[in-house]
């Protein structure tokens, strides 16, 4: 792995800034595509029926919006190549 000139503290600040930006853009736009890395997206899960095993009764699980990530071609290829070595 290549070393970089950043300290652990500086690296943490960079990662925190990136995750904050991704979160903000995801809330606003609903989709962030990072070429060759992947796509962050928000999707809505429909409401559905469920079962509560503690009390033994059927419940209705409400609709909710969740973040998703789909790996891009570059990331998939990098993982596949690393695995073969």
N, C-alpha and C. Protein backbone atom coordinates (compact mmCIF):
# COMPACT_ATOMS: atom_id res chain seq x y z
N UNK A 1 0.83 -1.16 0.00
CA UNK A 1 0.00 0.00 0.00
C UNK A 1 0.89 1.25 0.00
N UNK A 2 0.51 2.23 -0.80
CA UNK A 2 1.30 3.46 -0.88
C UNK A 2 1.09 4.30 0.36
N UNK A 3 2.16 4.90 0.82
CA UNK A 3 2.08 5.84 1.95
C UNK A 3 1.75 7.21 1.39
N UNK A 4 1.10 8.01 2.17
CA UNK A 4 0.80 9.37 1.77
C UNK A 4 1.31 10.31 2.86
N UNK A 5 1.46 11.59 2.54
CA UNK A 5 2.07 12.52 3.50
C UNK A 5 1.14 12.99 4.62
N UNK A 6 -0.12 12.56 4.63
CA UNK A 6 -1.06 13.03 5.64
C UNK A 6 -0.91 12.27 6.96
N UNK A 7 -1.11 12.99 8.05
CA UNK A 7 -1.12 12.33 9.36
C UNK A 7 -2.47 11.63 9.53
N UNK A 8 -2.59 10.82 10.57
CA UNK A 8 -3.86 10.15 10.85
C UNK A 8 -4.95 11.18 11.09
N UNK A 9 -4.63 12.24 11.83
CA UNK A 9 -5.60 13.29 12.11
C UNK A 9 -6.06 13.97 10.82
N UNK A 10 -5.12 14.30 9.94
CA UNK A 10 -5.47 14.95 8.67
C UNK A 10 -6.30 14.00 7.79
N UNK A 11 -5.93 12.73 7.78
CA UNK A 11 -6.68 11.74 7.00
C UNK A 11 -8.12 11.63 7.51
N UNK A 12 -8.29 11.64 8.83
CA UNK A 12 -9.62 11.57 9.42
C UNK A 12 -10.46 12.77 9.01
N UNK A 13 -9.84 13.95 8.99
CA UNK A 13 -10.56 15.16 8.58
C UNK A 13 -11.01 15.06 7.12
N UNK A 14 -10.15 14.53 6.26
CA UNK A 14 -10.50 14.36 4.84
C UNK A 14 -11.66 13.38 4.70
N UNK A 15 -11.57 12.23 5.36
CA UNK A 15 -12.63 11.22 5.28
C UNK A 15 -13.94 11.78 5.84
N UNK A 16 -13.88 12.49 6.95
CA UNK A 16 -15.08 13.10 7.54
C UNK A 16 -15.71 14.10 6.58
N UNK A 17 -14.88 14.91 5.90
CA UNK A 17 -15.40 15.89 4.95
C UNK A 17 -16.07 15.21 3.76
N UNK A 18 -15.46 14.12 3.29
CA UNK A 18 -16.04 13.39 2.15
C UNK A 18 -17.37 12.76 2.54
N UNK A 19 -17.43 12.11 3.69
CA UNK A 19 -18.68 11.46 4.10
C UNK A 19 -19.77 12.49 4.38
N UNK A 20 -19.40 13.65 4.93
CA UNK A 20 -20.38 14.71 5.15
C UNK A 20 -20.93 15.23 3.82
N UNK A 21 -20.05 15.39 2.84
CA UNK A 21 -20.49 15.84 1.51
C UNK A 21 -21.40 14.82 0.84
N UNK A 22 -21.03 13.55 0.92
CA UNK A 22 -21.87 12.49 0.34
C UNK A 22 -23.24 12.49 1.00
N UNK A 23 -23.26 12.59 2.33
CA UNK A 23 -24.53 12.59 3.06
C UNK A 23 -25.39 13.77 2.64
N UNK A 24 -24.80 14.96 2.58
CA UNK A 24 -25.55 16.16 2.22
C UNK A 24 -26.10 16.06 0.80
N UNK A 25 -25.27 15.61 -0.14
CA UNK A 25 -25.73 15.48 -1.52
C UNK A 25 -26.79 14.40 -1.67
N UNK A 26 -26.67 13.33 -0.91
CA UNK A 26 -27.66 12.25 -0.96
C UNK A 26 -29.00 12.75 -0.45
N UNK A 27 -28.99 13.53 0.61
CA UNK A 27 -30.24 14.09 1.15
C UNK A 27 -30.87 15.04 0.13
N UNK A 28 -30.06 15.88 -0.51
CA UNK A 28 -30.57 16.87 -1.46
C UNK A 28 -31.01 16.25 -2.78
N UNK A 29 -30.10 15.52 -3.43
CA UNK A 29 -30.32 15.06 -4.80
C UNK A 29 -30.77 13.61 -4.90
N UNK A 30 -30.43 12.80 -3.93
CA UNK A 30 -30.84 11.41 -3.95
C UNK A 30 -29.90 10.47 -4.67
N UNK A 31 -28.84 11.01 -5.33
CA UNK A 31 -27.92 10.12 -6.05
C UNK A 31 -26.57 10.80 -6.24
N UNK A 32 -25.49 10.08 -5.94
CA UNK A 32 -24.13 10.54 -6.17
C UNK A 32 -23.38 9.44 -6.90
N UNK A 33 -22.85 9.77 -8.07
CA UNK A 33 -22.12 8.77 -8.84
C UNK A 33 -20.65 9.15 -8.86
N UNK A 34 -19.81 8.23 -8.39
CA UNK A 34 -18.37 8.41 -8.42
C UNK A 34 -17.83 7.40 -9.44
N UNK A 35 -17.44 7.91 -10.60
CA UNK A 35 -17.03 7.06 -11.71
C UNK A 35 -15.96 6.07 -11.26
N UNK A 36 -16.13 4.83 -11.64
CA UNK A 36 -15.25 3.69 -11.33
C UNK A 36 -15.27 3.26 -9.86
N UNK A 37 -15.88 4.04 -8.98
CA UNK A 37 -15.97 3.64 -7.58
C UNK A 37 -17.35 3.07 -7.27
N UNK A 38 -18.39 3.86 -7.53
CA UNK A 38 -19.74 3.37 -7.28
C UNK A 38 -20.76 4.48 -7.18
N UNK A 39 -21.99 4.10 -6.92
CA UNK A 39 -23.10 5.04 -6.84
C UNK A 39 -23.80 4.92 -5.50
N UNK A 40 -23.94 6.05 -4.83
CA UNK A 40 -24.74 6.13 -3.61
C UNK A 40 -26.11 6.65 -4.03
N UNK A 41 -27.15 6.02 -3.51
CA UNK A 41 -28.50 6.40 -3.92
C UNK A 41 -29.44 6.22 -2.75
N UNK A 42 -30.54 6.97 -2.75
CA UNK A 42 -31.54 6.72 -1.73
C UNK A 42 -32.74 6.09 -2.42
N UNK A 43 -33.28 5.05 -1.78
CA UNK A 43 -34.42 4.32 -2.34
C UNK A 43 -35.50 4.22 -1.27
N UNK A 44 -36.72 4.14 -1.73
CA UNK A 44 -37.84 4.03 -0.82
C UNK A 44 -38.30 2.58 -0.79
N UNK A 45 -38.35 2.02 0.41
CA UNK A 45 -38.87 0.67 0.61
C UNK A 45 -40.37 0.79 0.88
N UNK A 46 -41.16 0.04 0.17
CA UNK A 46 -42.61 0.08 0.35
C UNK A 46 -42.99 -0.49 1.71
N UNK A 47 -44.16 -0.07 2.20
CA UNK A 47 -44.64 -0.65 3.45
C UNK A 47 -44.99 -2.11 3.20
N UNK A 48 -44.89 -2.90 4.24
CA UNK A 48 -45.14 -4.33 4.09
C UNK A 48 -45.59 -4.92 5.42
N UNK A 49 -46.13 -6.09 5.34
CA UNK A 49 -46.54 -6.79 6.55
C UNK A 49 -45.37 -7.52 7.18
N UNK A 50 -45.40 -7.68 8.48
CA UNK A 50 -44.35 -8.39 9.19
C UNK A 50 -44.94 -9.16 10.35
N UNK A 51 -44.07 -9.73 11.16
CA UNK A 51 -44.51 -10.54 12.29
C UNK A 51 -43.65 -10.21 13.49
N UNK A 52 -44.26 -9.91 14.62
CA UNK A 52 -43.54 -9.64 15.86
C UNK A 52 -43.51 -10.93 16.68
N UNK A 53 -42.36 -11.60 16.75
CA UNK A 53 -42.29 -12.89 17.45
C UNK A 53 -42.42 -12.77 18.97
N UNK A 54 -42.16 -11.59 19.53
CA UNK A 54 -42.26 -11.42 20.97
C UNK A 54 -43.70 -11.53 21.46
N UNK A 55 -44.63 -11.00 20.67
CA UNK A 55 -46.04 -11.04 21.09
C UNK A 55 -46.88 -11.94 20.19
N UNK A 56 -46.27 -12.43 19.10
CA UNK A 56 -46.95 -13.37 18.23
C UNK A 56 -48.05 -12.76 17.38
N UNK A 57 -47.89 -11.51 16.97
CA UNK A 57 -48.93 -10.90 16.14
C UNK A 57 -48.35 -10.27 14.89
N UNK A 58 -49.20 -10.09 13.89
CA UNK A 58 -48.81 -9.45 12.64
C UNK A 58 -48.76 -7.95 12.84
N UNK A 59 -47.78 -7.32 12.18
CA UNK A 59 -47.63 -5.86 12.27
C UNK A 59 -47.46 -5.30 10.86
N UNK A 60 -47.69 -4.00 10.72
CA UNK A 60 -47.46 -3.33 9.46
C UNK A 60 -46.16 -2.53 9.59
N UNK A 61 -45.20 -2.81 8.71
CA UNK A 61 -43.92 -2.10 8.71
C UNK A 61 -44.08 -0.92 7.75
N UNK A 62 -43.89 0.32 8.22
CA UNK A 62 -44.14 1.48 7.37
C UNK A 62 -43.09 1.66 6.27
N UNK A 63 -43.46 2.42 5.25
CA UNK A 63 -42.55 2.78 4.17
C UNK A 63 -41.41 3.61 4.74
N UNK A 64 -40.19 3.40 4.21
CA UNK A 64 -39.07 4.24 4.65
C UNK A 64 -38.04 4.39 3.54
N UNK A 65 -37.27 5.45 3.64
CA UNK A 65 -36.22 5.74 2.67
C UNK A 65 -34.89 5.32 3.27
N UNK A 66 -34.09 4.58 2.47
CA UNK A 66 -32.81 4.06 2.96
C UNK A 66 -31.71 4.36 1.94
N UNK A 67 -30.45 4.54 2.42
CA UNK A 67 -29.34 4.73 1.48
C UNK A 67 -28.88 3.37 0.95
N UNK A 68 -28.45 3.37 -0.33
CA UNK A 68 -27.91 2.15 -0.93
C UNK A 68 -26.60 2.50 -1.64
N UNK A 69 -25.78 1.48 -1.89
CA UNK A 69 -24.53 1.67 -2.61
C UNK A 69 -24.38 0.54 -3.62
N UNK A 70 -24.05 0.90 -4.85
CA UNK A 70 -23.77 -0.10 -5.88
C UNK A 70 -22.34 0.14 -6.36
N UNK A 71 -21.51 -0.88 -6.22
CA UNK A 71 -20.10 -0.76 -6.61
C UNK A 71 -19.98 -0.55 -8.11
N UNK A 72 -19.01 0.30 -8.49
CA UNK A 72 -18.74 0.56 -9.89
C UNK A 72 -17.79 -0.47 -10.48
N UNK A 73 -17.63 -0.40 -11.79
CA UNK A 73 -16.80 -1.37 -12.49
C UNK A 73 -15.35 -1.37 -11.99
N UNK A 74 -14.79 -0.19 -11.78
CA UNK A 74 -13.40 -0.10 -11.32
C UNK A 74 -13.19 -0.75 -9.97
N UNK A 75 -14.11 -0.52 -9.04
CA UNK A 75 -14.01 -1.13 -7.71
C UNK A 75 -14.18 -2.64 -7.79
N UNK A 76 -15.13 -3.09 -8.58
CA UNK A 76 -15.36 -4.54 -8.74
C UNK A 76 -14.13 -5.22 -9.32
N UNK A 77 -13.55 -4.60 -10.33
CA UNK A 77 -12.35 -5.17 -10.97
C UNK A 77 -11.18 -5.20 -10.00
N UNK A 78 -11.00 -4.14 -9.22
CA UNK A 78 -9.90 -4.09 -8.26
C UNK A 78 -10.03 -5.18 -7.22
N UNK A 79 -11.24 -5.41 -6.73
CA UNK A 79 -11.48 -6.45 -5.73
C UNK A 79 -11.27 -7.83 -6.33
N UNK A 80 -11.73 -8.01 -7.56
CA UNK A 80 -11.59 -9.30 -8.23
C UNK A 80 -10.11 -9.61 -8.48
N UNK A 81 -9.34 -8.61 -8.91
CA UNK A 81 -7.91 -8.83 -9.16
C UNK A 81 -7.16 -9.11 -7.87
N UNK A 82 -7.50 -8.42 -6.81
CA UNK A 82 -6.84 -8.62 -5.51
C UNK A 82 -7.09 -10.02 -4.99
N UNK A 83 -8.30 -10.52 -5.22
CA UNK A 83 -8.68 -11.84 -4.73
C UNK A 83 -7.88 -12.95 -5.42
N UNK A 84 -7.56 -12.77 -6.70
CA UNK A 84 -6.85 -13.81 -7.46
C UNK A 84 -5.39 -13.97 -7.04
N UNK A 85 -4.79 -12.94 -6.49
CA UNK A 85 -3.35 -12.98 -6.16
C UNK A 85 -3.07 -13.91 -5.01
